[in-house]
Amino acid sequence: MMYKADANESPYRLSETRMTELFARIAETGLNCYPQNHDAVKSGLARYTGLAQESFICGNGSDELIALTVLALARGGKVAVPAPTFGMYAICAENFGGKAVAFPCDANLDLDLKAFADFANAQGADITVLCSPNNPTGQAFPREAVERFIGEVKGVVVLDEAYSEFSNTSCIELIQKYSNLVVLRTLSKAFGMAGVRFGYLTAGEALLARVEAVRPIYNLGVMPLLAAEVALSDVSYMKETVNKIIAERERMEARLEKFANIKAKKSATNFILLRGLADEKELADLFAKAGVAVRTYREPELAGCVRVTVGEPAQNNIVLRVLEAYDAKCSG
């Protein structure tokens, strides 16, 4: 069986106790009726984030919420994105008759926030996207820098915090201070709920109303709503699994520092971007032979790069053995 280290999924599912609870809740609820509303899960989100219950829109994964945000706030307009970053923003901009304008990261794949803000303003961007931490680079931005960035950008800032739990940083409460801010999050990563497809969005009242106006009434079914509600009732378990992943990430990074022919971008996520590879296709083939799927790229700025998910210790040991073999081969 292939080990999937290509999609940044958590190796940990819900605890057995919560899985049993979820199945019981589904059996009690039945599936013959449409979901009534999102109030119960919004209550869980309010407890988790400290924001008001009415501050949220729930969606079928972050992908749906990205699409709704672009549709509501930038249809036919410009969406400014770093290069590289999560590709769905550019896809949605094009799908809704607009244009994605890309600002390049530097040679180390770091993003200059001041220069990016100036670029977005010069372009007249309707939406400016900042993923913190960024996918695929793993870079997280200090809170002070993010807040300064939000204040400098003239249009709407979409702050994607899909991986925020792995960085121990968040700016989600800034939606109460900045009327041009939208924050997106997901339960797919830290909560280990990628198969459920549940994301959430928060913003000030005016922007929230515009996105809510284009949300389909039954965009989430009974099962994802119940699954999200159960997951949010056990935040301590999520934090426990996140701490395990962070510990493994740090162990892998320490090992990677010893390789002469592989550079690892410092990560604040549940993945590591490998850089400076002489032949990334050869490395991907070595992984495939070892039963490991990894993420490769076509973008020019990611030439010589491969991304690997941080899994459980045994899975990570397989990844490290492949990298050790590749490094030895490159050294001759």
Protein backbone atom coordinates (compact mmCIF):
# COMPACT_ATOMS: atom_id res chain seq x y z
CA MET A 1 0.00 0.00 0.00
CA MET A 2 1.30 3.44 -0.98
CA TYR A 3 2.12 5.89 1.82
CA LYS A 4 0.63 9.25 0.77
CA ALA A 5 3.13 11.94 1.66
CA ASP A 6 1.87 14.24 -1.10
CA ALA A 7 -1.30 15.87 0.26
CA ASN A 8 -0.39 17.17 3.74
CA GLU A 9 -2.94 14.92 5.42
CA SER A 10 -2.70 14.15 9.12
CA PRO A 11 -1.67 10.57 9.97
CA TYR A 12 -4.07 10.74 12.93
CA ARG A 13 -7.81 10.32 12.66
CA LEU A 14 -10.41 11.11 15.32
CA SER A 15 -9.91 9.28 18.59
CA GLU A 16 -11.79 5.99 18.94
CA THR A 17 -14.05 7.60 21.54
CA ARG A 18 -15.01 10.41 19.18
CA MET A 19 -15.44 8.04 16.23
CA THR A 20 -17.90 6.00 18.29
CA GLU A 21 -19.69 9.19 19.29
CA LEU A 22 -19.87 10.35 15.67
CA PHE A 23 -21.38 7.09 14.42
CA ALA A 24 -23.94 7.20 17.23
CA ARG A 25 -24.85 10.80 16.38
CA ILE A 26 -25.33 9.91 12.72
CA ALA A 27 -27.56 6.97 13.66
CA GLU A 28 -29.65 9.19 15.93
CA THR A 29 -30.00 11.97 13.39
CA GLY A 30 -30.85 9.93 10.33
CA LEU A 31 -30.15 11.03 6.78
CA ASN A 32 -33.67 11.48 5.44
CA CYS A 33 -33.91 15.21 6.17
CA TYR A 34 -31.93 18.21 4.98
CA PRO A 35 -29.58 19.79 7.53
CA GLN A 36 -31.41 22.52 9.42
CA ASN A 37 -28.62 25.06 9.95
CA HIS A 38 -24.98 25.41 10.98
CA ASP A 39 -25.64 26.76 14.48
CA ALA A 40 -24.24 23.81 16.46
CA VAL A 41 -20.93 23.70 14.62
CA LYS A 42 -20.67 27.49 14.67
CA SER A 43 -21.01 27.29 18.44
CA GLY A 44 -18.02 24.94 18.48
CA LEU A 45 -16.05 27.31 16.27
CA ALA A 46 -16.88 30.19 18.61
CA ARG A 47 -15.54 28.26 21.59
CA TYR A 48 -12.39 27.31 19.69
CA THR A 49 -11.55 30.74 18.26
CA GLY A 50 -13.04 33.12 20.81
CA LEU A 51 -15.08 34.88 18.12
CA ALA A 52 -18.84 35.40 18.04
CA GLN A 53 -20.95 32.52 16.70
CA GLU A 54 -22.45 34.73 14.00
CA SER A 55 -18.97 35.53 12.64
CA PHE A 56 -18.63 32.34 10.59
CA ILE A 57 -19.52 30.83 7.24
CA CYS A 58 -19.02 27.07 6.93
CA GLY A 59 -18.08 25.43 3.66
CA ASN A 60 -17.34 22.21 1.85
CA GLY A 61 -13.62 22.50 2.54
CA SER A 62 -11.58 25.66 2.09
CA ASP A 63 -11.83 25.16 -1.68
CA GLU A 64 -15.54 26.03 -1.69
CA LEU A 65 -14.95 29.04 0.53
CA ILE A 66 -12.13 30.28 -1.69
CA ALA A 67 -14.46 30.02 -4.68
CA LEU A 68 -17.29 31.82 -2.86
CA THR A 69 -14.93 34.57 -1.68
CA VAL A 70 -13.55 35.22 -5.16
CA LEU A 71 -17.05 35.08 -6.64
CA ALA A 72 -18.41 37.56 -4.10
CA LEU A 73 -15.48 39.97 -3.83
CA ALA A 74 -13.44 39.76 -7.04
CA ARG A 75 -15.56 38.39 -9.88
CA GLY A 76 -13.96 39.59 -13.11
CA GLY A 77 -11.31 41.41 -11.09
CA LYS A 78 -7.74 40.90 -9.98
CA VAL A 79 -6.46 38.53 -7.31
CA ALA A 80 -2.88 39.14 -6.17
CA VAL A 81 -1.00 36.03 -5.07
CA PRO A 82 2.58 35.20 -4.11
CA ALA A 83 4.48 32.79 -6.33
CA PRO A 84 4.51 30.10 -5.18
CA THR A 85 1.41 29.65 -3.03
CA PHE A 86 -1.74 27.50 -2.87
CA GLY A 87 -3.02 27.31 -6.43
CA MET A 88 -6.78 27.41 -5.86
CA TYR A 89 -6.88 31.20 -5.62
CA ALA A 90 -5.47 31.68 -9.11
CA ILE A 91 -7.75 28.95 -10.47
CA CYS A 92 -10.85 30.60 -9.02
CA ALA A 93 -9.83 34.03 -10.28
CA GLU A 94 -9.60 32.68 -13.83
CA ASN A 95 -12.79 30.61 -13.48
CA PHE A 96 -14.80 33.70 -12.54
CA GLY A 97 -13.54 35.82 -15.42
CA GLY A 98 -10.79 37.59 -13.55
CA LYS A 99 -7.03 37.48 -13.47
CA ALA A 100 -4.44 36.29 -10.98
CA VAL A 101 -1.42 38.58 -10.74
CA ALA A 102 1.63 36.90 -9.20
CA PHE A 103 4.39 38.45 -7.10
CA PRO A 104 7.54 36.32 -6.92
CA CYS A 105 9.14 35.16 -3.70
CA ASP A 106 12.90 35.66 -3.50
CA ALA A 107 15.57 33.09 -4.38
CA ASN A 108 15.15 31.50 -0.95
CA LEU A 109 11.37 31.29 -1.53
CA ASP A 110 10.73 33.90 1.17
CA LEU A 111 8.04 36.55 0.66
CA ASP A 112 8.72 40.27 1.25
CA LEU A 113 5.39 41.46 2.66
CA LYS A 114 6.02 45.18 2.15
CA ALA A 115 6.98 44.68 -1.49
CA PHE A 116 3.99 42.36 -1.99
CA ALA A 117 1.59 44.95 -0.53
CA ASP A 118 3.03 47.64 -2.81
CA PHE A 119 2.66 45.30 -5.80
CA ALA A 120 -0.97 44.47 -4.96
CA ASN A 121 -1.86 48.14 -4.60
CA ALA A 122 -0.12 49.05 -7.87
CA GLN A 123 -2.06 46.30 -9.62
CA GLY A 124 -5.36 47.49 -8.14
CA ALA A 125 -6.03 44.02 -6.77
CA ASP A 126 -9.55 43.37 -5.50
CA ILE A 127 -8.23 40.54 -3.31
CA THR A 128 -4.69 40.02 -2.03
CA VAL A 129 -3.96 36.52 -0.76
CA LEU A 130 -1.57 35.70 2.07
CA CYS A 131 -1.23 32.11 3.24
CA SER A 132 0.42 31.99 6.65
CA PRO A 133 1.99 29.51 6.89
CA ASN A 134 2.44 29.37 3.13
CA ASN A 135 1.95 26.25 1.04
CA PRO A 136 4.31 24.94 -0.34
CA THR A 137 7.14 26.93 1.23
CA GLY A 138 6.14 26.42 4.88
CA GLN A 139 6.94 30.05 5.74
CA ALA A 140 4.93 31.61 8.58
CA PHE A 141 4.84 35.37 9.12
CA PRO A 142 5.09 37.15 12.50
CA ARG A 143 1.83 38.59 13.78
CA GLU A 144 3.15 42.16 13.72
CA ALA A 145 4.20 41.81 10.08
CA VAL A 146 0.82 40.36 9.07
CA GLU A 147 -1.09 43.14 10.80
CA ARG A 148 1.11 45.77 9.15
CA PHE A 149 0.48 44.07 5.78
CA ILE A 150 -3.30 44.13 6.28
CA GLY A 151 -3.13 47.83 7.06
CA GLU A 152 -1.03 48.58 3.97
CA VAL A 153 -3.16 46.72 1.40
CA LYS A 154 -5.94 48.85 -0.09
CA GLY A 155 -8.19 45.99 -1.20
CA VAL A 156 -9.46 42.91 0.61
CA VAL A 157 -6.85 40.71 2.27
CA VAL A 158 -7.64 36.99 2.38
CA LEU A 159 -5.52 35.41 5.12
CA ASP A 160 -5.40 31.64 4.67
CA GLU A 161 -4.58 29.95 7.98
CA ALA A 162 -5.02 26.33 6.91
CA TYR A 163 -1.80 25.35 8.71
CA SER A 164 -1.89 27.84 11.59
CA GLU A 165 -2.16 25.20 14.32
CA PHE A 166 1.28 23.87 13.36
CA SER A 167 2.88 27.31 13.73
CA ASN A 168 1.26 28.34 17.03
CA THR A 169 0.41 31.69 15.47
CA SER A 170 -2.89 33.15 14.31
CA CYS A 171 -4.34 36.52 13.40
CA ILE A 172 -7.96 35.38 13.24
CA GLU A 173 -9.17 37.87 15.86
CA LEU A 174 -8.00 40.76 13.65
CA ILE A 175 -11.27 40.49 11.72
CA GLN A 176 -12.70 42.53 14.62
CA LYS A 177 -10.23 45.35 13.86
CA TYR A 178 -9.82 45.37 10.06
CA SER A 179 -12.86 45.67 7.81
CA ASN A 180 -10.85 44.52 4.75
CA LEU A 181 -9.84 41.15 6.26
CA VAL A 182 -11.19 37.67 5.50
CA VAL A 183 -9.68 34.66 7.30
CA LEU A 184 -10.01 31.10 6.03
CA ARG A 185 -9.35 27.94 8.01
CA THR A 186 -9.97 24.21 7.69
CA LEU A 187 -10.38 21.06 9.77
CA SER A 188 -8.52 19.04 7.10
CA LYS A 189 -5.01 19.47 8.49
CA ALA A 190 -4.61 19.79 12.26
CA PHE A 191 -7.93 18.11 13.04
CA GLY A 192 -7.27 15.20 10.67
CA MET A 193 -10.60 15.64 8.86
CA ALA A 194 -9.53 15.92 5.21
CA GLY A 195 -12.07 13.29 4.15
CA VAL A 196 -14.93 15.24 5.71
CA ARG A 197 -14.35 18.43 3.66
CA PHE A 198 -15.08 21.13 6.21
CA GLY A 199 -13.70 24.65 6.17
CA TYR A 200 -14.73 27.90 7.77
CA LEU A 201 -14.47 31.59 6.98
CA THR A 202 -14.68 34.63 9.21
CA ALA A 203 -14.73 38.35 8.47
CA GLY A 204 -16.34 41.59 9.54
CA GLU A 205 -20.07 42.04 9.07
CA ALA A 206 -19.99 43.70 5.63
CA LEU A 207 -17.65 41.22 3.92
CA LEU A 208 -19.31 38.28 5.66
CA ALA A 209 -22.70 39.31 4.26
CA ARG A 210 -21.34 39.53 0.71
CA VAL A 211 -19.87 36.03 0.85
CA GLU A 212 -22.95 34.60 2.58
CA ALA A 213 -25.10 35.99 -0.24
CA VAL A 214 -23.50 33.59 -2.75
CA ARG A 215 -23.38 30.51 -0.49
CA PRO A 216 -25.72 27.67 -1.56
CA ILE A 217 -28.26 27.01 1.16
CA TYR A 218 -27.43 23.30 1.55
CA ASN A 219 -23.70 23.44 0.87
CA LEU A 220 -22.93 21.06 3.76
CA GLY A 221 -24.61 17.77 4.51
CA VAL A 222 -25.55 16.25 7.85
CA MET A 223 -22.45 14.05 8.15
CA PRO A 224 -19.74 16.72 7.69
CA LEU A 225 -21.59 19.03 10.07
CA LEU A 226 -21.79 16.32 12.73
CA ALA A 227 -18.17 15.30 12.16
CA ALA A 228 -16.99 18.89 12.55
CA GLU A 229 -19.07 19.33 15.69
CA VAL A 230 -17.57 16.19 17.25
CA ALA A 231 -14.01 17.15 16.28
CA LEU A 232 -14.38 20.63 17.75
CA SER A 233 -15.56 19.11 21.03
CA ASP A 234 -12.11 17.55 21.54
CA VAL A 235 -9.58 20.30 20.87
CA SER A 236 -7.18 18.81 23.42
CA TYR A 237 -6.85 15.66 21.29
CA MET A 238 -6.12 17.80 18.21
CA LYS A 239 -3.39 19.66 20.10
CA GLU A 240 -1.90 16.35 21.22
CA THR A 241 -1.62 15.06 17.65
CA VAL A 242 -0.30 18.40 16.39
CA ASN A 243 2.45 18.32 19.00
CA LYS A 244 3.42 14.83 17.80
CA ILE A 245 3.65 16.08 14.23
CA ILE A 246 5.70 19.13 15.23
CA ALA A 247 8.12 16.91 17.16
CA GLU A 248 8.51 14.68 14.10
CA ARG A 249 8.98 17.68 11.82
CA GLU A 250 11.79 18.95 14.02
CA ARG A 251 13.39 15.50 14.11
CA MET A 252 13.29 15.28 10.32
CA GLU A 253 14.67 18.79 9.88
CA ALA A 254 17.59 18.00 12.19
CA ARG A 255 18.38 14.89 10.16
CA LEU A 256 18.06 16.74 6.86
CA GLU A 257 20.69 19.27 7.92
CA LYS A 258 23.28 16.49 7.64
CA PHE A 259 22.62 15.83 3.94
CA ALA A 260 25.01 17.53 1.53
CA ASN A 261 22.79 17.42 -1.56
CA ILE A 262 19.37 18.26 -0.11
CA LYS A 263 18.22 21.56 1.35
CA ALA A 264 15.13 21.69 3.53
CA LYS A 265 13.10 24.89 3.75
CA LYS A 266 12.41 25.65 7.42
CA SER A 267 8.76 24.77 7.98
CA ALA A 268 5.98 25.93 10.29
CA THR A 269 3.56 23.34 8.91
CA ASN A 270 3.00 19.57 8.68
CA PHE A 271 5.17 19.30 5.57
CA ILE A 272 8.73 20.01 4.48
CA LEU A 273 9.79 21.44 1.13
CA LEU A 274 13.00 19.82 -0.12
CA ARG A 275 15.06 22.15 -2.33
CA GLY A 276 18.24 22.28 -4.36
CA LEU A 277 17.72 18.83 -5.83
CA ALA A 278 19.87 17.95 -8.83
CA ASP A 279 17.12 15.71 -10.19
CA GLU A 280 13.75 15.91 -8.43
CA LYS A 281 12.23 13.37 -10.83
CA GLU A 282 14.86 10.82 -9.85
CA LEU A 283 14.08 11.44 -6.19
CA ALA A 284 10.34 11.08 -6.82
CA ASP A 285 11.02 7.78 -8.60
CA LEU A 286 13.07 6.55 -5.63
CA PHE A 287 10.18 7.43 -3.34
CA ALA A 288 7.72 5.61 -5.60
CA LYS A 289 9.86 2.47 -5.54
CA ALA A 290 9.80 2.67 -1.73
CA GLY A 291 6.00 2.97 -1.77
CA VAL A 292 5.86 6.69 -0.99
CA ALA A 293 3.92 9.30 -2.98
CA VAL A 294 5.40 12.82 -2.82
CA ARG A 295 4.45 16.18 -4.33
CA THR A 296 6.39 17.41 -7.35
CA TYR A 297 5.91 20.68 -9.24
CA ARG A 298 5.81 22.13 -12.74
CA GLU A 299 6.20 25.77 -11.71
CA PRO A 300 9.60 27.21 -12.69
CA GLU A 301 10.11 28.76 -9.26
CA LEU A 302 9.82 25.27 -7.74
CA ALA A 303 12.33 23.57 -10.01
CA GLY A 304 14.46 21.19 -7.98
CA CYS A 305 11.81 20.92 -5.26
CA VAL A 306 9.81 18.07 -3.75
CA ARG A 307 7.34 18.39 -0.87
CA VAL A 308 6.85 15.65 1.73
CA THR A 309 4.20 15.39 4.43
CA VAL A 310 5.27 14.79 8.02
CA GLY A 311 3.65 11.55 9.15
CA GLU A 312 4.06 9.10 11.98
CA PRO A 313 7.61 8.12 13.04
CA ALA A 314 7.67 4.87 11.05
CA GLN A 315 6.49 6.67 7.91
CA ASN A 316 9.03 9.43 8.37
CA ASN A 317 11.80 6.88 8.80
CA ILE A 318 11.00 5.50 5.35
CA VAL A 319 11.19 9.02 3.92
CA LEU A 320 14.53 9.66 5.62
CA ARG A 321 15.98 6.37 4.34
CA VAL A 322 15.07 7.29 0.77
CA LEU A 323 16.61 10.73 1.20
CA GLU A 324 19.76 9.22 2.67
CA ALA A 325 20.08 6.92 -0.35
CA TYR A 326 19.53 9.82 -2.75
CA ASP A 327 22.09 11.97 -0.95
CA ALA A 328 24.67 9.18 -1.03
CA LYS A 329 24.05 8.62 -4.75
CA CYS A 330 24.50 12.32 -5.50
CA SER A 331 27.76 12.33 -3.55
CA GLY A 332 29.05 9.49 -5.70
